[in-house]
């Protein structure tokens, strides 16, 4: 058994960037004090979810990666001897911006970054206005406590992304996330949407035989029109929920995850063994039309 203690920080945000960063630092410390070895922060934790509007002023929130925030969290990671997964708004160059997650190792070193590959464009989620699609490919980071795969929010809906990340050797997958309900929706629609979101990610855990950790924000934003639904969770490689957060509270939790279970899961449910890689070429087509 090779356990890793995973910390999830589910928090609300304000318009004050420094206040959000200070809160995240405080919650990482809390998780580390409870034994966390890897701590994941939610998507774009340093600000409100600004993609609800197309506003050029919001580009001022972006920063270089590595840069000021990664320097802060790298120092914190080294001090606490924890791995920190930090989702930030990256300014790559003039006019080129990404939705990016940095991984800081437990010795304070910057291991690298993953740039969000799938960029949504929905009402109140106008990410294509801000973010260039990722061009680094899928990534696995060899941290002190295990091989960590990172995907971001909208990537959650794509089994191809999780499969490739698993095939690259990820032992555990993290999804920093910002997703919620329009407050104008009825309860049944809200429940259906949340359940779909959770089910698809648990299915990635099952299909690949490795744990999945999803960390979402919480609270009302967009002048009360959007309630971020929290519901952060950890699932093992059979999709079993090891932890489930509330929909309306800030929560920092540490969860034991056994990375060695993957071998047993993959032996008894040998999906990886039985993959017909010779038959998958059509997956690279946008749609398979009849001749």
Protein backbone atom coordinates (compact mmCIF):
# COMPACT_ATOMS: atom_id res chain seq x y z
CA UNK A 1 0.00 0.00 0.00
CA UNK A 2 1.38 3.38 -1.05
CA UNK A 3 -0.84 6.04 0.44
CA UNK A 4 -0.72 9.70 -0.44
CA UNK A 5 -2.60 12.30 1.55
CA UNK A 6 -4.41 14.63 -0.85
CA UNK A 7 -5.64 18.06 0.20
CA UNK A 8 -8.60 19.73 -1.52
CA UNK A 9 -9.27 23.44 -1.06
CA UNK A 10 -12.84 24.40 -1.99
CA UNK A 11 -13.24 28.13 -1.44
CA UNK A 12 -15.13 31.24 -2.49
CA UNK A 13 -13.42 34.19 -4.11
CA UNK A 14 -13.69 37.98 -4.15
CA UNK A 15 -12.66 40.74 -6.55
CA UNK A 16 -9.49 41.30 -4.46
CA UNK A 17 -6.71 39.16 -5.95
CA UNK A 18 -4.40 39.48 -2.96
CA UNK A 19 -7.19 38.49 -0.59
CA UNK A 20 -7.81 35.33 -2.62
CA UNK A 21 -4.13 34.44 -2.69
CA UNK A 22 -3.84 35.02 1.06
CA UNK A 23 -6.86 32.78 1.66
CA UNK A 24 -5.40 30.05 -0.55
CA UNK A 25 -2.09 30.23 1.34
CA UNK A 26 -3.94 29.93 4.65
CA UNK A 27 -5.92 26.91 3.42
CA UNK A 28 -2.82 25.19 2.04
CA UNK A 29 -1.24 25.62 5.47
CA UNK A 30 -4.34 24.16 7.07
CA UNK A 31 -4.23 21.15 4.74
CA UNK A 32 -0.51 20.63 5.37
CA UNK A 33 -1.09 20.78 9.13
CA UNK A 34 -3.65 17.98 8.66
CA UNK A 35 -1.06 15.86 6.89
CA UNK A 36 -1.60 16.71 3.22
CA UNK A 37 1.23 15.84 0.85
CA UNK A 38 -0.39 17.10 -2.36
CA UNK A 39 -2.73 20.12 -2.24
CA UNK A 40 -4.93 21.11 -5.18
CA UNK A 41 -6.48 24.56 -5.51
CA UNK A 42 -9.53 25.28 -7.67
CA UNK A 43 -9.45 26.73 -11.17
CA UNK A 44 -8.45 30.42 -11.32
CA UNK A 45 -8.48 30.68 -7.53
CA UNK A 46 -6.80 34.12 -7.50
CA UNK A 47 -9.86 35.94 -8.82
CA UNK A 48 -13.56 35.83 -9.36
CA UNK A 49 -14.52 33.71 -12.36
CA UNK A 50 -14.12 36.63 -14.75
CA UNK A 51 -15.13 34.72 -17.90
CA UNK A 52 -18.79 35.53 -17.24
CA UNK A 53 -18.27 38.67 -19.35
CA UNK A 54 -16.14 39.68 -22.30
CA UNK A 55 -14.20 42.55 -20.74
CA UNK A 56 -10.76 43.61 -21.93
CA UNK A 57 -9.88 44.93 -18.48
CA UNK A 58 -9.84 41.36 -17.16
CA UNK A 59 -6.65 40.63 -19.09
CA UNK A 60 -4.90 42.71 -16.41
CA UNK A 61 -5.41 39.74 -14.04
CA UNK A 62 -2.99 37.58 -16.02
CA UNK A 63 0.65 36.98 -15.15
CA UNK A 64 3.65 35.07 -16.39
CA UNK A 65 4.17 31.43 -15.38
CA UNK A 66 6.58 30.98 -13.76
CA UNK A 67 6.04 34.37 -12.20
CA UNK A 68 4.90 36.16 -9.04
CA UNK A 69 2.26 33.68 -7.89
CA UNK A 70 4.28 30.57 -8.68
CA UNK A 71 7.18 32.11 -6.73
CA UNK A 72 4.90 32.54 -3.71
CA UNK A 73 3.47 29.03 -3.87
CA UNK A 74 6.82 27.42 -4.66
CA UNK A 75 8.24 28.92 -1.49
CA UNK A 76 5.19 27.72 0.44
CA UNK A 77 5.51 24.23 -1.04
CA UNK A 78 9.16 24.06 -0.02
CA UNK A 79 8.44 25.33 3.47
CA UNK A 80 5.59 22.86 4.08
CA UNK A 81 7.09 20.01 2.03
CA UNK A 82 3.90 19.62 0.03
CA UNK A 83 3.16 19.52 -3.68
CA UNK A 84 0.90 22.41 -4.74
CA UNK A 85 -1.28 22.37 -7.86
CA UNK A 86 -2.07 26.01 -8.65
CA UNK A 87 -4.42 27.13 -11.44
CA UNK A 88 -3.63 30.60 -12.80
CA UNK A 89 -4.38 32.99 -15.67
CA UNK A 90 -1.21 32.98 -17.77
CA UNK A 91 0.08 35.84 -19.91
CA UNK A 92 2.38 34.09 -22.33
CA UNK A 93 3.10 37.02 -24.63
CA UNK A 94 1.37 40.17 -25.83
CA UNK A 95 -2.07 39.05 -26.96
CA UNK A 96 -1.55 35.36 -26.04
CA UNK A 97 -3.14 34.14 -22.81
CA UNK A 98 -3.80 30.68 -21.40
CA UNK A 99 -5.76 28.98 -18.64
CA UNK A 100 -2.83 27.25 -16.99
CA UNK A 101 -2.02 25.11 -13.98
CA UNK A 102 1.44 25.11 -12.44
CA UNK A 103 2.82 22.24 -10.37
CA UNK A 104 5.21 23.03 -7.53
CA UNK A 105 7.08 20.15 -5.94
CA UNK A 106 7.59 19.52 -2.24
CA UNK A 107 11.12 20.94 -2.35
CA UNK A 108 9.84 24.24 -3.74
CA UNK A 109 10.87 23.57 -7.32
CA UNK A 110 8.71 24.52 -10.28
CA UNK A 111 8.03 21.28 -12.19
CA UNK A 112 6.16 22.82 -15.10
CA UNK A 113 2.70 23.70 -16.32
CA UNK A 114 -0.30 22.34 -18.16
CA UNK A 115 -2.31 24.61 -20.44
CA UNK A 116 -6.02 23.86 -20.71
CA UNK A 117 -6.68 22.11 -24.00
CA UNK A 118 -10.47 22.30 -24.30
CA UNK A 119 -11.83 25.86 -24.14
CA UNK A 120 -15.60 26.35 -23.68
CA UNK A 121 -17.79 29.15 -24.98
CA UNK A 122 -21.17 29.08 -23.28
CA UNK A 123 -23.38 31.78 -21.75
CA UNK A 124 -21.48 33.15 -18.72
CA UNK A 125 -18.47 30.96 -19.61
CA UNK A 126 -16.86 32.99 -22.40
CA UNK A 127 -13.44 31.41 -22.14
CA UNK A 128 -12.64 31.58 -25.85
CA UNK A 129 -12.53 35.37 -25.49
CA UNK A 130 -9.62 35.06 -23.06
CA UNK A 131 -7.76 31.79 -23.55
CA UNK A 132 -5.72 30.37 -26.40
CA UNK A 133 -6.05 26.56 -26.46
CA UNK A 134 -3.18 24.73 -24.81
CA UNK A 135 -0.28 23.67 -26.99
CA UNK A 136 1.89 21.75 -24.53
CA UNK A 137 -0.10 18.54 -24.93
CA UNK A 138 -1.15 16.43 -21.98
CA UNK A 139 1.21 16.37 -19.03
CA UNK A 140 2.32 14.17 -16.17
CA UNK A 141 4.52 15.55 -13.41
CA UNK A 142 6.89 13.40 -11.39
CA UNK A 143 6.41 14.82 -7.89
CA UNK A 144 7.93 13.64 -4.61
CA UNK A 145 4.70 11.80 -3.78
CA UNK A 146 3.76 10.29 -7.12
CA UNK A 147 3.14 10.88 -10.81
CA UNK A 148 0.48 13.55 -11.07
CA UNK A 149 -1.69 14.19 -14.13
CA UNK A 150 -3.43 17.56 -14.39
CA UNK A 151 -6.41 18.51 -16.55
CA UNK A 152 -8.61 21.60 -16.15
CA UNK A 153 -12.40 21.94 -15.86
CA UNK A 154 -13.84 21.65 -19.40
CA UNK A 155 -11.24 18.95 -20.06
CA UNK A 156 -13.36 16.86 -17.67
CA UNK A 157 -15.86 15.98 -20.39
CA UNK A 158 -13.32 14.38 -22.73
CA UNK A 159 -12.36 10.73 -22.12
CA UNK A 160 -9.55 11.12 -24.67
CA UNK A 161 -7.78 13.62 -22.39
CA UNK A 162 -7.95 11.41 -19.30
CA UNK A 163 -6.94 8.31 -21.27
CA UNK A 164 -3.85 9.94 -22.75
CA UNK A 165 -2.88 11.33 -19.36
CA UNK A 166 -3.22 7.85 -17.84
CA UNK A 167 -1.25 6.29 -20.70
CA UNK A 168 1.56 8.74 -19.95
CA UNK A 169 1.89 7.16 -16.52
CA UNK A 170 -0.27 9.33 -14.27
CA UNK A 171 -0.96 7.61 -10.95
CA UNK A 172 -3.59 10.17 -9.92
CA UNK A 173 -5.50 12.81 -11.90
CA UNK A 174 -6.43 16.28 -10.69
CA UNK A 175 -9.09 18.55 -12.16
CA UNK A 176 -9.03 22.16 -10.88
CA UNK A 177 -12.51 23.42 -11.72
CA UNK A 178 -14.88 26.41 -11.81
CA UNK A 179 -18.41 25.33 -12.63
CA UNK A 180 -21.82 26.21 -11.28
CA UNK A 181 -25.53 26.65 -11.74
CA UNK A 182 -27.40 29.63 -13.10
CA UNK A 183 -29.61 30.66 -10.19
CA UNK A 184 -32.52 30.98 -12.62
CA UNK A 185 -32.54 27.19 -13.20
CA UNK A 186 -34.88 24.74 -11.51
CA UNK A 187 -33.63 22.22 -8.95
CA UNK A 188 -34.06 19.20 -11.22
CA UNK A 189 -31.92 20.72 -13.97
CA UNK A 190 -29.28 21.69 -11.40
CA UNK A 191 -29.17 18.16 -10.00
CA UNK A 192 -28.94 16.61 -13.46
CA UNK A 193 -26.06 18.87 -14.43
CA UNK A 194 -24.08 18.21 -11.26
CA UNK A 195 -24.66 14.46 -11.48
CA UNK A 196 -23.46 14.39 -15.08
CA UNK A 197 -20.34 16.33 -14.10
CA UNK A 198 -19.51 13.95 -11.28
CA UNK A 199 -20.38 10.78 -13.21
CA UNK A 200 -18.17 11.60 -16.20
CA UNK A 201 -15.16 12.14 -13.97
CA UNK A 202 -15.77 9.02 -11.92
CA UNK A 203 -15.99 7.14 -15.22
CA UNK A 204 -12.48 8.37 -16.08
CA UNK A 205 -11.30 6.87 -12.80
CA UNK A 206 -12.93 3.54 -13.66
CA UNK A 207 -11.76 3.42 -17.28
CA UNK A 208 -8.17 4.10 -16.27
CA UNK A 209 -8.07 2.40 -12.87
CA UNK A 210 -6.60 5.44 -11.09
CA UNK A 211 -7.93 7.98 -8.58
CA UNK A 212 -9.51 11.24 -9.71
CA UNK A 213 -9.55 14.42 -7.61
CA UNK A 214 -11.85 17.26 -8.65
CA UNK A 215 -11.66 20.61 -6.83
CA UNK A 216 -14.36 23.20 -7.53
CA UNK A 217 -15.06 26.68 -6.20
CA UNK A 218 -18.13 27.60 -4.19
CA UNK A 219 -20.29 30.66 -3.61
CA UNK A 220 -22.37 33.19 -5.53
CA UNK A 221 -20.74 35.29 -8.26
CA UNK A 222 -21.89 37.31 -11.27
CA UNK A 223 -24.02 39.51 -8.99
CA UNK A 224 -25.80 36.44 -7.68
CA UNK A 225 -26.68 34.99 -11.09
CA UNK A 226 -24.25 32.07 -10.75
CA UNK A 227 -23.85 29.73 -7.81
CA UNK A 228 -20.66 27.70 -8.08
CA UNK A 229 -21.74 24.27 -6.94
CA UNK A 230 -18.72 23.08 -4.98
CA UNK A 231 -19.20 19.33 -4.71
CA UNK A 232 -15.47 18.67 -4.86
CA UNK A 233 -14.68 14.99 -4.55
CA UNK A 234 -12.14 12.18 -4.59
CA UNK A 235 -12.89 8.89 -6.33
CA UNK A 236 -10.72 5.78 -6.34
CA UNK A 237 -9.91 3.70 -9.40
CA UNK A 238 -13.27 1.92 -9.23
CA UNK A 239 -15.15 5.19 -9.05
CA UNK A 240 -15.93 4.86 -5.34
CA UNK A 241 -16.34 8.21 -3.63
CA UNK A 242 -13.76 8.64 -0.88
CA UNK A 243 -14.82 12.22 -0.15
CA UNK A 244 -17.64 14.51 -1.28
CA UNK A 245 -17.83 18.20 -0.36
CA UNK A 246 -20.96 20.25 0.14
CA UNK A 247 -22.51 22.53 -2.49
CA UNK A 248 -22.43 25.69 -0.41
CA UNK A 249 -19.57 25.68 2.10
CA UNK A 250 -15.88 26.44 1.97
CA UNK A 251 -14.08 23.22 2.87
CA UNK A 252 -10.48 22.13 3.15
CA UNK A 253 -10.14 18.37 3.50
CA UNK A 254 -7.33 15.82 3.47
CA UNK A 255 -8.10 12.38 2.01
CA UNK A 256 -5.99 9.20 2.04
CA UNK A 257 -5.56 7.75 -1.44
CA UNK A 258 -3.86 4.42 -2.17
CA UNK A 259 -1.86 4.70 -5.39
CA UNK A 260 -1.00 0.99 -5.43
CA UNK A 261 -4.63 -0.06 -5.91
CA UNK A 262 -4.27 0.65 -9.63
CA UNK A 263 -2.46 -2.63 -10.23
CA UNK A 264 -5.23 -4.68 -8.62
CA UNK A 265 -7.99 -2.72 -10.38
CA UNK A 266 -6.31 -3.11 -13.74
CA UNK A 267 -5.74 -6.84 -13.22
CA UNK A 268 -9.34 -7.58 -12.23
CA UNK A 269 -10.90 -5.16 -14.72
CA UNK A 270 -8.31 -5.34 -17.52
CA UNK A 271 -9.53 -2.47 -19.66
CA UNK A 272 -5.97 -1.37 -20.37
CA UNK A 273 -4.98 -4.87 -21.49
CA UNK A 274 -7.93 -5.25 -23.85
CA UNK A 275 -7.67 -1.92 -25.64
CA UNK A 276 -7.85 -2.40 -29.43
CA UNK A 277 -5.40 0.31 -30.35
CA UNK A 278 -5.36 -0.94 -33.94
CA UNK A 279 -9.02 0.07 -34.33
CA UNK A 280 -8.99 3.59 -32.89
CA UNK A 281 -7.75 5.65 -35.84
CA UNK A 282 -11.25 7.05 -36.60
CA UNK A 283 -11.20 8.90 -33.26
CA UNK A 284 -9.04 11.59 -34.88
CA UNK A 285 -11.90 12.60 -37.20
CA UNK A 286 -14.30 15.38 -36.27
CA UNK A 287 -17.25 13.21 -37.28
CA UNK A 288 -17.50 9.94 -39.17
CA UNK A 289 -19.73 10.68 -42.15
CA UNK A 290 -21.09 7.99 -44.40
CA UNK A 291 -19.51 7.82 -47.85
